[in-house]
Amino acid sequence: MALPEVKRLADAIEKRSGGERHGALLETDPAPRDVKGSPYYQLIFVENGDDMAQAVASFLVSHVNGEILVEDDISGELMSLDQWRKGLKE
């Protein structure tokens, strides 16, 4: 998943921490998640350090067409990639 926003977040984490922390994209469950009858890969972007990993964003990627959804970590609501991008700019 080559999103420019994820790359920028990873770069910012490394810069802010002086290279001590890194961004990582991890699969959260090997079983696909069903969203409206379609299977989605479940991924999470974390800030990773020696002592812990902190969740930054959760993504679902369609097995069928590559559509990317972003899960709101508080409400659990799914939003489109465009909605998530608008939220980053605000």
N, C-alpha and C. Protein backbone atom coordinates (compact mmCIF):
# COMPACT_ATOMS: atom_id res chain seq x y z
N MET A 1 0.86 -1.17 0.00
CA MET A 1 0.00 0.00 0.00
C MET A 1 0.90 1.23 0.00
N ALA A 2 0.96 1.89 -1.12
CA ALA A 2 1.88 3.01 -1.27
C ALA A 2 1.14 4.35 -1.24
N LEU A 3 0.58 4.68 -0.09
CA LEU A 3 -0.10 5.97 0.06
C LEU A 3 0.92 7.04 0.44
N PRO A 4 0.90 8.18 -0.24
CA PRO A 4 1.85 9.25 0.12
C PRO A 4 1.67 9.73 1.56
N GLU A 5 0.43 9.69 2.07
CA GLU A 5 0.19 10.12 3.46
C GLU A 5 0.90 9.20 4.45
N VAL A 6 0.89 7.90 4.17
CA VAL A 6 1.56 6.94 5.06
C VAL A 6 3.06 7.16 5.01
N LYS A 7 3.59 7.42 3.83
CA LYS A 7 5.03 7.70 3.67
C LYS A 7 5.40 8.97 4.46
N ARG A 8 4.59 10.01 4.35
CA ARG A 8 4.86 11.26 5.10
C ARG A 8 4.80 11.04 6.60
N LEU A 9 3.80 10.25 7.05
CA LEU A 9 3.71 9.94 8.48
C LEU A 9 4.95 9.19 8.95
N ALA A 10 5.39 8.20 8.18
CA ALA A 10 6.58 7.43 8.55
C ALA A 10 7.81 8.33 8.60
N ASP A 11 7.96 9.21 7.61
CA ASP A 11 9.10 10.14 7.59
C ASP A 11 9.07 11.08 8.79
N ALA A 12 7.87 11.57 9.14
CA ALA A 12 7.73 12.49 10.29
C ALA A 12 8.08 11.78 11.59
N ILE A 13 7.68 10.53 11.73
CA ILE A 13 7.99 9.75 12.94
C ILE A 13 9.50 9.60 13.09
N GLU A 14 10.16 9.23 12.01
CA GLU A 14 11.62 9.05 12.06
C GLU A 14 12.33 10.36 12.37
N LYS A 15 11.89 11.43 11.72
CA LYS A 15 12.54 12.74 11.93
C LYS A 15 12.33 13.21 13.37
N ARG A 16 11.09 13.13 13.85
CA ARG A 16 10.77 13.59 15.21
C ARG A 16 11.54 12.81 16.27
N SER A 17 11.76 11.52 16.02
CA SER A 17 12.41 10.68 17.02
C SER A 17 13.92 10.55 16.82
N GLY A 18 14.46 11.25 15.82
CA GLY A 18 15.88 11.13 15.55
C GLY A 18 16.27 9.73 15.09
N GLY A 19 15.34 9.04 14.42
CA GLY A 19 15.60 7.71 13.91
C GLY A 19 15.38 6.59 14.92
N GLU A 20 14.90 6.95 16.12
CA GLU A 20 14.68 5.94 17.17
C GLU A 20 13.36 5.18 16.99
N ARG A 21 12.41 5.80 16.31
CA ARG A 21 11.10 5.19 16.08
C ARG A 21 10.84 5.15 14.57
N HIS A 22 9.98 4.21 14.16
CA HIS A 22 9.72 4.02 12.74
C HIS A 22 8.24 3.77 12.52
N GLY A 23 7.78 4.04 11.32
CA GLY A 23 6.42 3.69 10.92
C GLY A 23 6.44 2.30 10.32
N ALA A 24 5.40 1.53 10.59
CA ALA A 24 5.31 0.18 10.04
C ALA A 24 3.85 -0.12 9.69
N LEU A 25 3.66 -0.82 8.58
CA LEU A 25 2.35 -1.26 8.16
C LEU A 25 2.26 -2.76 8.42
N LEU A 26 1.30 -3.17 9.24
CA LEU A 26 1.17 -4.57 9.66
C LEU A 26 -0.21 -5.12 9.32
N GLU A 27 -0.25 -6.38 8.98
CA GLU A 27 -1.53 -7.05 8.81
C GLU A 27 -2.07 -7.37 10.20
N THR A 28 -3.31 -6.99 10.48
CA THR A 28 -3.86 -7.21 11.82
C THR A 28 -4.53 -8.56 11.96
N ASP A 29 -4.98 -9.14 10.86
CA ASP A 29 -5.65 -10.44 10.91
C ASP A 29 -5.51 -11.08 9.53
N PRO A 30 -5.02 -12.32 9.46
CA PRO A 30 -4.88 -12.96 8.15
C PRO A 30 -6.24 -13.28 7.51
N ALA A 31 -7.29 -13.37 8.32
CA ALA A 31 -8.63 -13.63 7.77
C ALA A 31 -9.19 -12.33 7.21
N PRO A 32 -9.74 -12.37 6.01
CA PRO A 32 -10.32 -11.14 5.45
C PRO A 32 -11.54 -10.70 6.25
N ARG A 33 -11.77 -9.41 6.26
CA ARG A 33 -12.94 -8.84 6.92
C ARG A 33 -14.02 -8.61 5.87
N ASP A 34 -15.22 -9.00 6.17
CA ASP A 34 -16.33 -8.81 5.24
C ASP A 34 -16.91 -7.41 5.40
N VAL A 35 -16.94 -6.67 4.30
CA VAL A 35 -17.57 -5.35 4.28
C VAL A 35 -18.58 -5.36 3.14
N LYS A 36 -19.85 -5.35 3.49
CA LYS A 36 -20.94 -5.36 2.51
C LYS A 36 -20.77 -6.47 1.48
N GLY A 37 -20.38 -7.66 1.96
CA GLY A 37 -20.27 -8.82 1.09
C GLY A 37 -18.97 -8.97 0.34
N SER A 38 -18.01 -8.08 0.57
CA SER A 38 -16.71 -8.16 -0.11
C SER A 38 -15.59 -8.35 0.91
N PRO A 39 -14.59 -9.19 0.57
CA PRO A 39 -13.48 -9.42 1.51
C PRO A 39 -12.44 -8.30 1.44
N TYR A 40 -11.95 -7.89 2.60
CA TYR A 40 -10.94 -6.83 2.70
C TYR A 40 -9.78 -7.31 3.57
N TYR A 41 -8.55 -7.01 3.13
CA TYR A 41 -7.37 -7.20 3.96
C TYR A 41 -7.44 -6.19 5.09
N GLN A 42 -6.97 -6.58 6.29
CA GLN A 42 -6.97 -5.69 7.45
C GLN A 42 -5.54 -5.30 7.79
N LEU A 43 -5.25 -4.00 7.72
CA LEU A 43 -3.90 -3.49 7.96
C LEU A 43 -3.95 -2.35 8.97
N ILE A 44 -2.84 -2.18 9.68
CA ILE A 44 -2.72 -1.06 10.61
C ILE A 44 -1.35 -0.42 10.44
N PHE A 45 -1.32 0.90 10.46
CA PHE A 45 -0.06 1.65 10.44
C PHE A 45 0.25 2.04 11.87
N VAL A 46 1.46 1.68 12.32
CA VAL A 46 1.84 1.96 13.71
C VAL A 46 3.14 2.76 13.77
N GLU A 47 3.28 3.48 14.87
CA GLU A 47 4.56 4.07 15.24
C GLU A 47 5.25 3.05 16.12
N ASN A 48 6.37 2.54 15.66
CA ASN A 48 7.03 1.40 16.28
C ASN A 48 8.33 1.84 16.95
N GLY A 49 8.47 1.51 18.22
CA GLY A 49 9.69 1.78 18.96
C GLY A 49 10.18 0.52 19.66
N ASP A 50 11.27 0.63 20.39
CA ASP A 50 11.83 -0.54 21.09
C ASP A 50 10.87 -1.12 22.12
N ASP A 51 10.10 -0.26 22.78
CA ASP A 51 9.28 -0.72 23.90
C ASP A 51 7.80 -0.90 23.59
N MET A 52 7.33 -0.40 22.44
CA MET A 52 5.90 -0.51 22.13
C MET A 52 5.61 -0.06 20.71
N ALA A 53 4.39 -0.36 20.27
CA ALA A 53 3.89 0.14 18.99
C ALA A 53 2.59 0.87 19.25
N GLN A 54 2.46 2.07 18.69
CA GLN A 54 1.27 2.90 18.87
C GLN A 54 0.50 2.97 17.56
N ALA A 55 -0.76 2.57 17.58
CA ALA A 55 -1.60 2.61 16.37
C ALA A 55 -1.77 4.05 15.90
N VAL A 56 -1.65 4.24 14.60
CA VAL A 56 -1.85 5.56 14.00
C VAL A 56 -3.08 5.56 13.10
N ALA A 57 -3.24 4.53 12.25
CA ALA A 57 -4.38 4.45 11.34
C ALA A 57 -4.64 3.00 10.97
N SER A 58 -5.92 2.66 10.79
CA SER A 58 -6.32 1.31 10.40
C SER A 58 -6.92 1.35 9.00
N PHE A 59 -6.47 0.45 8.14
CA PHE A 59 -6.91 0.42 6.75
C PHE A 59 -7.51 -0.93 6.39
N LEU A 60 -8.46 -0.91 5.48
CA LEU A 60 -9.01 -2.11 4.87
C LEU A 60 -8.80 -1.98 3.37
N VAL A 61 -8.27 -3.02 2.75
CA VAL A 61 -7.99 -2.99 1.31
C VAL A 61 -8.76 -4.13 0.65
N SER A 62 -9.57 -3.81 -0.33
CA SER A 62 -10.42 -4.78 -1.00
C SER A 62 -9.61 -5.83 -1.74
N HIS A 63 -9.97 -7.10 -1.55
CA HIS A 63 -9.38 -8.20 -2.33
C HIS A 63 -9.79 -8.08 -3.79
N VAL A 64 -10.97 -7.53 -4.04
CA VAL A 64 -11.56 -7.53 -5.37
C VAL A 64 -11.02 -6.41 -6.25
N ASN A 65 -11.06 -5.17 -5.76
CA ASN A 65 -10.71 -4.03 -6.62
C ASN A 65 -9.67 -3.08 -6.05
N GLY A 66 -9.10 -3.40 -4.89
CA GLY A 66 -8.05 -2.56 -4.31
C GLY A 66 -8.56 -1.32 -3.60
N GLU A 67 -9.89 -1.16 -3.50
CA GLU A 67 -10.44 -0.01 -2.80
C GLU A 67 -9.88 0.03 -1.38
N ILE A 68 -9.54 1.23 -0.91
CA ILE A 68 -9.01 1.41 0.44
C ILE A 68 -10.03 2.16 1.29
N LEU A 69 -10.34 1.57 2.43
CA LEU A 69 -11.19 2.21 3.43
C LEU A 69 -10.35 2.46 4.67
N VAL A 70 -10.72 3.47 5.44
CA VAL A 70 -10.01 3.79 6.68
C VAL A 70 -11.01 3.67 7.82
N GLU A 71 -10.60 2.99 8.89
CA GLU A 71 -11.47 2.79 10.04
C GLU A 71 -11.18 3.84 11.10
N ASP A 72 -12.22 4.55 11.53
CA ASP A 72 -12.08 5.51 12.61
C ASP A 72 -11.80 4.73 13.89
N ASP A 73 -10.69 5.01 14.54
CA ASP A 73 -10.29 4.25 15.72
C ASP A 73 -11.19 4.47 16.93
N ILE A 74 -11.93 5.55 16.95
CA ILE A 74 -12.81 5.82 18.09
C ILE A 74 -14.21 5.23 17.86
N SER A 75 -14.80 5.54 16.71
CA SER A 75 -16.17 5.09 16.45
C SER A 75 -16.24 3.73 15.77
N GLY A 76 -15.15 3.31 15.12
CA GLY A 76 -15.16 2.07 14.35
C GLY A 76 -15.81 2.22 12.99
N GLU A 77 -16.25 3.42 12.69
CA GLU A 77 -16.92 3.70 11.42
C GLU A 77 -15.91 3.66 10.28
N LEU A 78 -16.33 3.13 9.13
CA LEU A 78 -15.46 3.11 7.96
C LEU A 78 -15.70 4.34 7.11
N MET A 79 -14.61 4.88 6.56
CA MET A 79 -14.72 6.04 5.67
C MET A 79 -13.89 5.76 4.42
N SER A 80 -14.22 6.48 3.36
CA SER A 80 -13.45 6.34 2.13
C SER A 80 -12.08 6.98 2.32
N LEU A 81 -11.16 6.62 1.46
CA LEU A 81 -9.83 7.21 1.50
C LEU A 81 -9.91 8.73 1.31
N ASP A 82 -10.79 9.19 0.43
CA ASP A 82 -10.95 10.63 0.22
C ASP A 82 -11.44 11.34 1.47
N GLN A 83 -12.39 10.73 2.19
CA GLN A 83 -12.88 11.33 3.45
C GLN A 83 -11.74 11.44 4.46
N TRP A 84 -10.94 10.38 4.57
CA TRP A 84 -9.81 10.38 5.50
C TRP A 84 -8.81 11.47 5.13
N ARG A 85 -8.52 11.58 3.85
CA ARG A 85 -7.58 12.62 3.39
C ARG A 85 -8.09 14.01 3.73
N LYS A 86 -9.38 14.26 3.56
CA LYS A 86 -9.94 15.57 3.92
C LYS A 86 -9.76 15.84 5.41
N GLY A 87 -9.94 14.82 6.24
CA GLY A 87 -9.76 14.96 7.68
C GLY A 87 -8.32 15.29 8.06
N LEU A 88 -7.36 14.78 7.29
CA LEU A 88 -5.95 15.08 7.57
C LEU A 88 -5.63 16.54 7.31
N LYS A 89 -6.32 17.13 6.33
CA LYS A 89 -6.05 18.52 5.95
C LYS A 89 -6.69 19.51 6.91
N GLU A 90 -7.69 19.08 7.65
CA GLU A 90 -8.41 20.00 8.55
C GLU A 90 -7.66 20.27 9.82
